[in-house]
All heavy atoms as atom14 arrays in JSON, in Angstrom:
{
  "sequence": "IRGNVDRTYYSDSVKGRFSISRDNTKNTFDLQMNS",
  "atom14_mask": [
    [1, 1, 1, 1, 1, 1, 1, 1, 0, 0, 0, 0, 0, 0],
    [1, 1, 1, 1, 1, 1, 1, 1, 1, 1, 1, 0, 0, 0],
    [1, 1, 1, 1, 0, 0, 0, 0, 0, 0, 0, 0, 0, 0],
    [1, 1, 1, 1, 1, 1, 1, 1, 0, 0, 0, 0, 0, 0],
    [1, 1, 1, 1, 1, 1, 1, 0, 0, 0, 0, 0, 0, 0],
    [1, 1, 1, 1, 1, 1, 1, 1, 0, 0, 0, 0, 0, 0],
    [1, 1, 1, 1, 1, 1, 1, 1, 1, 1, 1, 0, 0, 0],
    [1, 1, 1, 1, 1, 1, 1, 0, 0, 0, 0, 0, 0, 0],
    [1, 1, 1, 1, 1, 1, 1, 1, 1, 1, 1, 1, 0, 0],
    [1, 1, 1, 1, 1, 1, 1, 1, 1, 1, 1, 1, 0, 0],
    [1, 1, 1, 1, 1, 1, 0, 0, 0, 0, 0, 0, 0, 0],
    [1, 1, 1, 1, 1, 1, 1, 1, 0, 0, 0, 0, 0, 0],
    [1, 1, 1, 1, 1, 1, 0, 0, 0, 0, 0, 0, 0, 0],
    [1, 1, 1, 1, 1, 1, 1, 0, 0, 0, 0, 0, 0, 0],
    [1, 1, 1, 1, 1, 1, 1, 1, 1, 0, 0, 0, 0, 0],
    [1, 1, 1, 1, 0, 0, 0, 0, 0, 0, 0, 0, 0, 0],
    [1, 1, 1, 1, 1, 1, 1, 1, 1, 1, 1, 0, 0, 0],
    [1, 1, 1, 1, 1, 1, 1, 1, 1, 1, 1, 0, 0, 0],
    [1, 1, 1, 1, 1, 1, 0, 0, 0, 0, 0, 0, 0, 0],
    [1, 1, 1, 1, 1, 1, 1, 1, 0, 0, 0, 0, 0, 0],
    [1, 1, 1, 1, 1, 1, 0, 0, 0, 0, 0, 0, 0, 0],
    [1, 1, 1, 1, 1, 1, 1, 1, 1, 1, 1, 0, 0, 0],
    [1, 1, 1, 1, 1, 1, 1, 1, 0, 0, 0, 0, 0, 0],
    [1, 1, 1, 1, 1, 1, 1, 1, 0, 0, 0, 0, 0, 0],
    [1, 1, 1, 1, 1, 1, 1, 0, 0, 0, 0, 0, 0, 0],
    [1, 1, 1, 1, 1, 1, 1, 1, 1, 0, 0, 0, 0, 0],
    [1, 1, 1, 1, 1, 1, 1, 1, 0, 0, 0, 0, 0, 0],
    [1, 1, 1, 1, 1, 1, 1, 0, 0, 0, 0, 0, 0, 0],
    [1, 1, 1, 1, 1, 1, 1, 1, 1, 1, 1, 0, 0, 0],
    [1, 1, 1, 1, 1, 1, 1, 1, 0, 0, 0, 0, 0, 0],
    [1, 1, 1, 1, 1, 1, 1, 1, 0, 0, 0, 0, 0, 0],
    [1, 1, 1, 1, 1, 1, 1, 1, 1, 0, 0, 0, 0, 0],
    [1, 1, 1, 1, 1, 1, 1, 1, 0, 0, 0, 0, 0, 0],
    [1, 1, 1, 1, 1, 1, 1, 1, 0, 0, 0, 0, 0, 0],
    [1, 1, 1, 1, 1, 1, 0, 0, 0, 0, 0, 0, 0, 0]
  ],
  "atom14_positions": [
    [[12.93, 1.13, -3.53], [13.34, 0.12, -2.56], [14.8, -0.24, -2.81], [15.22, -0.42, -3.95], [12.42, -1.12, -2.62], [12.77, -2.12, -1.52], [12.48, -1.78, -4.0], [11.72, -3.21, -1.35], [0.0, 0.0, 0.0], [0.0, 0.0, 0.0], [0.0, 0.0, 0.0], [0.0, 0.0, 0.0], [0.0, 0.0, 0.0], [0.0, 0.0, 0.0]],
    [[15.58, -0.32, -1.73], [16.98, -0.68, -1.83], [17.15, -2.18, -1.99], [16.31, -2.97, -1.52], [17.75, -0.18, -0.61], [17.78, 1.33, -0.49], [18.5, 1.78, 0.75], [19.92, 1.45, 0.74], [20.8, 1.86, 1.64], [20.4, 2.65, 2.63], [22.07, 1.51, 1.55], [0.0, 0.0, 0.0], [0.0, 0.0, 0.0], [0.0, 0.0, 0.0]],
    [[18.25, -2.58, -2.62], [18.48, -3.99, -2.85], [19.15, -4.72, -1.72], [18.87, -5.89, -1.48], [0.0, 0.0, 0.0], [0.0, 0.0, 0.0], [0.0, 0.0, 0.0], [0.0, 0.0, 0.0], [0.0, 0.0, 0.0], [0.0, 0.0, 0.0], [0.0, 0.0, 0.0], [0.0, 0.0, 0.0], [0.0, 0.0, 0.0], [0.0, 0.0, 0.0]],
    [[20.04, -4.04, -0.99], [20.86, -4.71, 0.01], [20.28, -4.69, 1.42], [20.61, -5.56, 2.23], [22.25, -4.07, 0.06], [23.04, -4.33, -1.21], [22.91, -5.4, -1.83], [23.85, -3.37, -1.6], [0.0, 0.0, 0.0], [0.0, 0.0, 0.0], [0.0, 0.0, 0.0], [0.0, 0.0, 0.0], [0.0, 0.0, 0.0], [0.0, 0.0, 0.0]],
    [[19.47, -3.71, 1.71], [18.86, -3.59, 3.03], [17.37, -3.35, 2.88], [16.89, -2.91, 1.83], [19.49, -2.48, 3.88], [20.96, -2.78, 4.13], [19.34, -1.13, 3.2], [0.0, 0.0, 0.0], [0.0, 0.0, 0.0], [0.0, 0.0, 0.0], [0.0, 0.0, 0.0], [0.0, 0.0, 0.0], [0.0, 0.0, 0.0], [0.0, 0.0, 0.0]],
    [[16.63, -3.6, 3.93], [15.18, -3.45, 3.92], [14.83, -2.01, 4.24], [14.51, -1.66, 5.39], [14.55, -4.4, 4.93], [13.04, -4.41, 4.86], [12.48, -3.94, 3.84], [12.4, -4.88, 5.82], [0.0, 0.0, 0.0], [0.0, 0.0, 0.0], [0.0, 0.0, 0.0], [0.0, 0.0, 0.0], [0.0, 0.0, 0.0], [0.0, 0.0, 0.0]],
    [[14.89, -1.16, 3.21], [14.51, 0.23, 3.38], [13.8, 0.72, 2.13], [14.23, 0.43, 1.02], [15.74, 1.1, 3.66], [15.38, 2.54, 3.98], [16.56, 3.32, 4.49], [16.18, 4.68, 4.83], [17.0, 5.59, 5.32], [18.27, 5.28, 5.54], [16.55, 6.8, 5.6], [0.0, 0.0, 0.0], [0.0, 0.0, 0.0], [0.0, 0.0, 0.0]],
    [[12.72, 1.46, 2.34], [11.93, 2.0, 1.25], [11.83, 3.51, 1.36], [12.03, 4.1, 2.42], [10.53, 1.39, 1.22], [9.89, 1.61, 2.49], [10.6, -0.1, 0.95], [0.0, 0.0, 0.0], [0.0, 0.0, 0.0], [0.0, 0.0, 0.0], [0.0, 0.0, 0.0], [0.0, 0.0, 0.0], [0.0, 0.0, 0.0], [0.0, 0.0, 0.0]],
    [[11.47, 4.16, 0.24], [11.34, 5.6, 0.16], [10.06, 5.92, -0.6], [9.72, 5.25, -1.57], [12.53, 6.22, -0.58], [13.88, 5.86, -0.02], [14.51, 4.67, -0.38], [14.53, 6.7, 0.87], [15.74, 4.33, 0.13], [15.77, 6.37, 1.39], [16.37, 5.19, 1.02], [17.61, 4.86, 1.53], [0.0, 0.0, 0.0], [0.0, 0.0, 0.0]],
    [[9.35, 6.96, -0.16], [8.09, 7.34, -0.77], [7.99, 8.85, -0.91], [8.49, 9.6, -0.07], [6.9, 6.85, 0.05], [6.82, 5.35, 0.15], [7.37, 4.68, 1.25], [6.2, 4.59, -0.83], [7.3, 3.3, 1.34], [6.12, 3.22, -0.74], [6.68, 2.57, 0.35], [6.61, 1.2, 0.44], [0.0, 0.0, 0.0], [0.0, 0.0, 0.0]],
    [[7.3, 9.29, -1.94], [6.97, 10.69, -2.05], [5.89, 11.03, -1.04], [5.12, 10.17, -0.61], [6.5, 11.03, -3.46], [5.25, 10.44, -3.73], [0.0, 0.0, 0.0], [0.0, 0.0, 0.0], [0.0, 0.0, 0.0], [0.0, 0.0, 0.0], [0.0, 0.0, 0.0], [0.0, 0.0, 0.0], [0.0, 0.0, 0.0], [0.0, 0.0, 0.0]],
    [[5.83, 12.3, -0.67], [4.83, 12.72, 0.31], [3.41, 12.49, -0.18], [2.5, 12.22, 0.62], [5.02, 14.2, 0.65], [6.28, 14.47, 1.45], [6.8, 13.53, 2.08], [6.73, 15.63, 1.47], [0.0, 0.0, 0.0], [0.0, 0.0, 0.0], [0.0, 0.0, 0.0], [0.0, 0.0, 0.0], [0.0, 0.0, 0.0], [0.0, 0.0, 0.0]],
    [[3.2, 12.57, -1.48], [1.85, 12.45, -2.02], [1.29, 11.04, -1.95], [0.06, 10.86, -2.02], [1.82, 12.94, -3.48], [2.65, 12.14, -4.3], [0.0, 0.0, 0.0], [0.0, 0.0, 0.0], [0.0, 0.0, 0.0], [0.0, 0.0, 0.0], [0.0, 0.0, 0.0], [0.0, 0.0, 0.0], [0.0, 0.0, 0.0], [0.0, 0.0, 0.0]],
    [[2.14, 10.02, -1.81], [1.66, 8.64, -1.79], [1.96, 7.92, -0.48], [1.45, 6.81, -0.27], [2.22, 7.82, -2.96], [1.97, 8.52, -4.29], [3.71, 7.53, -2.77], [0.0, 0.0, 0.0], [0.0, 0.0, 0.0], [0.0, 0.0, 0.0], [0.0, 0.0, 0.0], [0.0, 0.0, 0.0], [0.0, 0.0, 0.0], [0.0, 0.0, 0.0]],
    [[2.75, 8.52, 0.38], [3.13, 7.87, 1.62], [1.89, 7.52, 2.45], [1.01, 8.35, 2.64], [4.06, 8.77, 2.43], [4.69, 8.09, 3.63], [5.72, 8.99, 4.28], [6.41, 8.28, 5.43], [7.44, 9.15, 6.06], [0.0, 0.0, 0.0], [0.0, 0.0, 0.0], [0.0, 0.0, 0.0], [0.0, 0.0, 0.0], [0.0, 0.0, 0.0]],
    [[1.84, 6.28, 2.92], [0.69, 5.81, 3.66], [-0.37, 5.15, 2.81], [-1.26, 4.47, 3.35], [0.0, 0.0, 0.0], [0.0, 0.0, 0.0], [0.0, 0.0, 0.0], [0.0, 0.0, 0.0], [0.0, 0.0, 0.0], [0.0, 0.0, 0.0], [0.0, 0.0, 0.0], [0.0, 0.0, 0.0], [0.0, 0.0, 0.0], [0.0, 0.0, 0.0]],
    [[-0.32, 5.34, 1.5], [-1.29, 4.75, 0.59], [-0.66, 3.69, -0.33], [-1.3, 2.7, -0.65], [-1.95, 5.82, -0.28], [-2.72, 6.86, 0.5], [-3.5, 7.78, -0.43], [-2.63, 8.53, -1.34], [-2.7, 8.48, -2.67], [-3.62, 7.72, -3.26], [-1.88, 9.2, -3.41], [0.0, 0.0, 0.0], [0.0, 0.0, 0.0], [0.0, 0.0, 0.0]],
    [[0.57, 3.94, -0.76], [1.26, 3.04, -1.68], [2.35, 2.29, -0.93], [2.91, 2.79, 0.05], [1.91, 3.81, -2.83], [0.97, 4.45, -3.79], [-0.4, 4.51, -3.55], [1.45, 5.01, -4.96], [-1.27, 5.11, -4.45], [0.6, 5.62, -5.87], [-0.76, 5.67, -5.61], [0.0, 0.0, 0.0], [0.0, 0.0, 0.0], [0.0, 0.0, 0.0]],
    [[2.7, 1.11, -1.41], [3.83, 0.37, -0.87], [4.56, -0.36, -1.99], [3.94, -0.9, -2.9], [3.39, -0.61, 0.22], [2.51, -1.6, -0.3], [0.0, 0.0, 0.0], [0.0, 0.0, 0.0], [0.0, 0.0, 0.0], [0.0, 0.0, 0.0], [0.0, 0.0, 0.0], [0.0, 0.0, 0.0], [0.0, 0.0, 0.0], [0.0, 0.0, 0.0]],
    [[5.88, -0.36, -1.9], [6.72, -1.03, -2.89], [7.31, -2.28, -2.27], [7.65, -2.31, -1.09], [7.82, -0.08, -3.41], [8.58, -0.71, -4.57], [8.77, 0.34, -2.29], [9.54, 0.26, -5.27], [0.0, 0.0, 0.0], [0.0, 0.0, 0.0], [0.0, 0.0, 0.0], [0.0, 0.0, 0.0], [0.0, 0.0, 0.0], [0.0, 0.0, 0.0]],
    [[7.43, -3.33, -3.07], [8.0, -4.59, -2.6], [8.71, -5.29, -3.75], [8.52, -4.93, -4.92], [6.91, -5.49, -2.0], [5.94, -5.82, -2.97], [0.0, 0.0, 0.0], [0.0, 0.0, 0.0], [0.0, 0.0, 0.0], [0.0, 0.0, 0.0], [0.0, 0.0, 0.0], [0.0, 0.0, 0.0], [0.0, 0.0, 0.0], [0.0, 0.0, 0.0]],
    [[9.51, -6.28, -3.42], [10.23, -7.02, -4.45], [10.22, -8.51, -4.15], [10.16, -8.93, -2.99], [11.66, -6.5, -4.6], [12.54, -6.71, -3.37], [13.8, -5.86, -3.46], [14.59, -6.19, -4.63], [15.48, -5.37, -5.2], [15.67, -4.15, -4.69], [16.17, -5.76, -6.26], [0.0, 0.0, 0.0], [0.0, 0.0, 0.0], [0.0, 0.0, 0.0]],
    [[10.3, -9.3, -5.2], [10.38, -10.75, -5.09], [11.57, -11.18, -5.92], [11.48, -11.29, -7.15], [9.09, -11.41, -5.58], [9.08, -12.91, -5.36], [10.15, -13.49, -5.12], [7.99, -13.51, -5.43], [0.0, 0.0, 0.0], [0.0, 0.0, 0.0], [0.0, 0.0, 0.0], [0.0, 0.0, 0.0], [0.0, 0.0, 0.0], [0.0, 0.0, 0.0]],
    [[12.69, -11.42, -5.27], [13.92, -11.75, -5.99], [13.89, -13.15, -6.62], [14.67, -13.43, -7.52], [15.13, -11.63, -5.06], [15.46, -10.2, -4.74], [15.2, -9.29, -5.52], [16.05, -9.98, -3.57], [0.0, 0.0, 0.0], [0.0, 0.0, 0.0], [0.0, 0.0, 0.0], [0.0, 0.0, 0.0], [0.0, 0.0, 0.0], [0.0, 0.0, 0.0]],
    [[12.99, -14.02, -6.15], [12.87, -15.34, -6.76], [12.23, -15.26, -8.13], [12.41, -16.16, -8.95], [12.06, -16.29, -5.87], [10.71, -15.84, -5.76], [12.67, -16.37, -4.48], [0.0, 0.0, 0.0], [0.0, 0.0, 0.0], [0.0, 0.0, 0.0], [0.0, 0.0, 0.0], [0.0, 0.0, 0.0], [0.0, 0.0, 0.0], [0.0, 0.0, 0.0]],
    [[11.48, -14.2, -8.39], [10.8, -14.01, -9.67], [11.36, -12.85, -10.49], [10.91, -12.62, -11.61], [9.31, -13.78, -9.45], [8.59, -14.94, -8.8], [7.11, -14.63, -8.64], [6.36, -15.78, -8.02], [4.92, -15.48, -7.87], [0.0, 0.0, 0.0], [0.0, 0.0, 0.0], [0.0, 0.0, 0.0], [0.0, 0.0, 0.0], [0.0, 0.0, 0.0]],
    [[12.3, -12.11, -9.93], [12.83, -10.9, -10.57], [11.71, -9.91, -10.88], [11.64, -9.35, -11.99], [13.61, -11.23, -11.84], [15.08, -11.5, -11.58], [15.59, -11.28, -10.47], [15.78, -11.97, -12.6], [0.0, 0.0, 0.0], [0.0, 0.0, 0.0], [0.0, 0.0, 0.0], [0.0, 0.0, 0.0], [0.0, 0.0, 0.0], [0.0, 0.0, 0.0]],
    [[10.85, -9.72, -9.92], [9.77, -8.76, -10.07], [9.74, -7.81, -8.88], [10.22, -8.14, -7.79], [8.39, -9.43, -10.18], [8.13, -10.19, -9.0], [8.35, -10.35, -11.39], [0.0, 0.0, 0.0], [0.0, 0.0, 0.0], [0.0, 0.0, 0.0], [0.0, 0.0, 0.0], [0.0, 0.0, 0.0], [0.0, 0.0, 0.0], [0.0, 0.0, 0.0]],
    [[9.19, -6.63, -9.09], [8.87, -5.76, -7.98], [7.54, -5.07, -8.26], [7.19, -4.81, -9.4], [9.99, -4.76, -7.66], [10.33, -3.78, -8.75], [9.9, -2.47, -8.68], [11.12, -4.15, -9.83], [10.24, -1.55, -9.65], [11.46, -3.24, -10.81], [11.02, -1.94, -10.72], [0.0, 0.0, 0.0], [0.0, 0.0, 0.0], [0.0, 0.0, 0.0]],
    [[6.81, -4.82, -7.18], [5.43, -4.4, -7.29], [5.2, -3.05, -6.63], [5.98, -2.6, -5.78], [4.5, -5.42, -6.63], [4.49, -6.76, -7.33], [5.0, -6.87, -8.46], [3.94, -7.72, -6.74], [0.0, 0.0, 0.0], [0.0, 0.0, 0.0], [0.0, 0.0, 0.0], [0.0, 0.0, 0.0], [0.0, 0.0, 0.0], [0.0, 0.0, 0.0]],
    [[4.11, -2.42, -7.02], [3.63, -1.22, -6.36], [2.16, -1.45, -6.02], [1.32, -1.5, -6.91], [3.79, 0.01, -7.25], [3.37, 1.33, -6.61], [4.36, 1.73, -5.52], [3.27, 2.44, -7.66], [0.0, 0.0, 0.0], [0.0, 0.0, 0.0], [0.0, 0.0, 0.0], [0.0, 0.0, 0.0], [0.0, 0.0, 0.0], [0.0, 0.0, 0.0]],
    [[1.88, -1.61, -4.73], [0.51, -1.73, -4.26], [-0.04, -0.34, -4.02], [0.52, 0.42, -3.22], [0.45, -2.55, -2.98], [-0.94, -2.69, -2.38], [-1.88, -3.47, -3.25], [-1.51, -4.51, -3.8], [-3.11, -2.98, -3.41], [0.0, 0.0, 0.0], [0.0, 0.0, 0.0], [0.0, 0.0, 0.0], [0.0, 0.0, 0.0], [0.0, 0.0, 0.0]],
    [[-1.12, 0.01, -4.7], [-1.7, 1.34, -4.63], [-3.09, 1.24, -4.02], [-3.99, 0.65, -4.62], [-1.77, 1.98, -6.01], [-0.42, 2.04, -6.72], [-0.5, 2.94, -8.3], [-1.58, 1.84, -9.22], [0.0, 0.0, 0.0], [0.0, 0.0, 0.0], [0.0, 0.0, 0.0], [0.0, 0.0, 0.0], [0.0, 0.0, 0.0], [0.0, 0.0, 0.0]],
    [[-3.26, 1.81, -2.84], [-4.53, 1.81, -2.14], [-5.08, 3.23, -2.04], [-4.35, 4.21, -2.19], [-4.37, 1.23, -0.73], [-3.9, -0.2, -0.73], [-4.26, -0.99, -1.61], [-3.1, -0.57, 0.26], [0.0, 0.0, 0.0], [0.0, 0.0, 0.0], [0.0, 0.0, 0.0], [0.0, 0.0, 0.0], [0.0, 0.0, 0.0], [0.0, 0.0, 0.0]],
    [[-6.36, 3.33, -1.77], [-7.02, 4.63, -1.6], [-6.69, 5.57, -2.75], [-6.32, 6.73, -2.54], [-6.62, 5.24, -0.26], [-6.96, 4.4, 0.82], [0.0, 0.0, 0.0], [0.0, 0.0, 0.0], [0.0, 0.0, 0.0], [0.0, 0.0, 0.0], [0.0, 0.0, 0.0], [0.0, 0.0, 0.0], [0.0, 0.0, 0.0], [0.0, 0.0, 0.0]]
  ]
}
C-alpha cells in the first residue's frame, strides 16, 4: 500500500482474497486474509 495516495498492489495468488490497509493514527497496517 502506498503512503501518499490510495492505491494498493497484490500478487495474482492472493488478489480478491486478501486486502491490505493502514491506520496512521496507530502506526499500524494490517493484512486481512479471507478464503
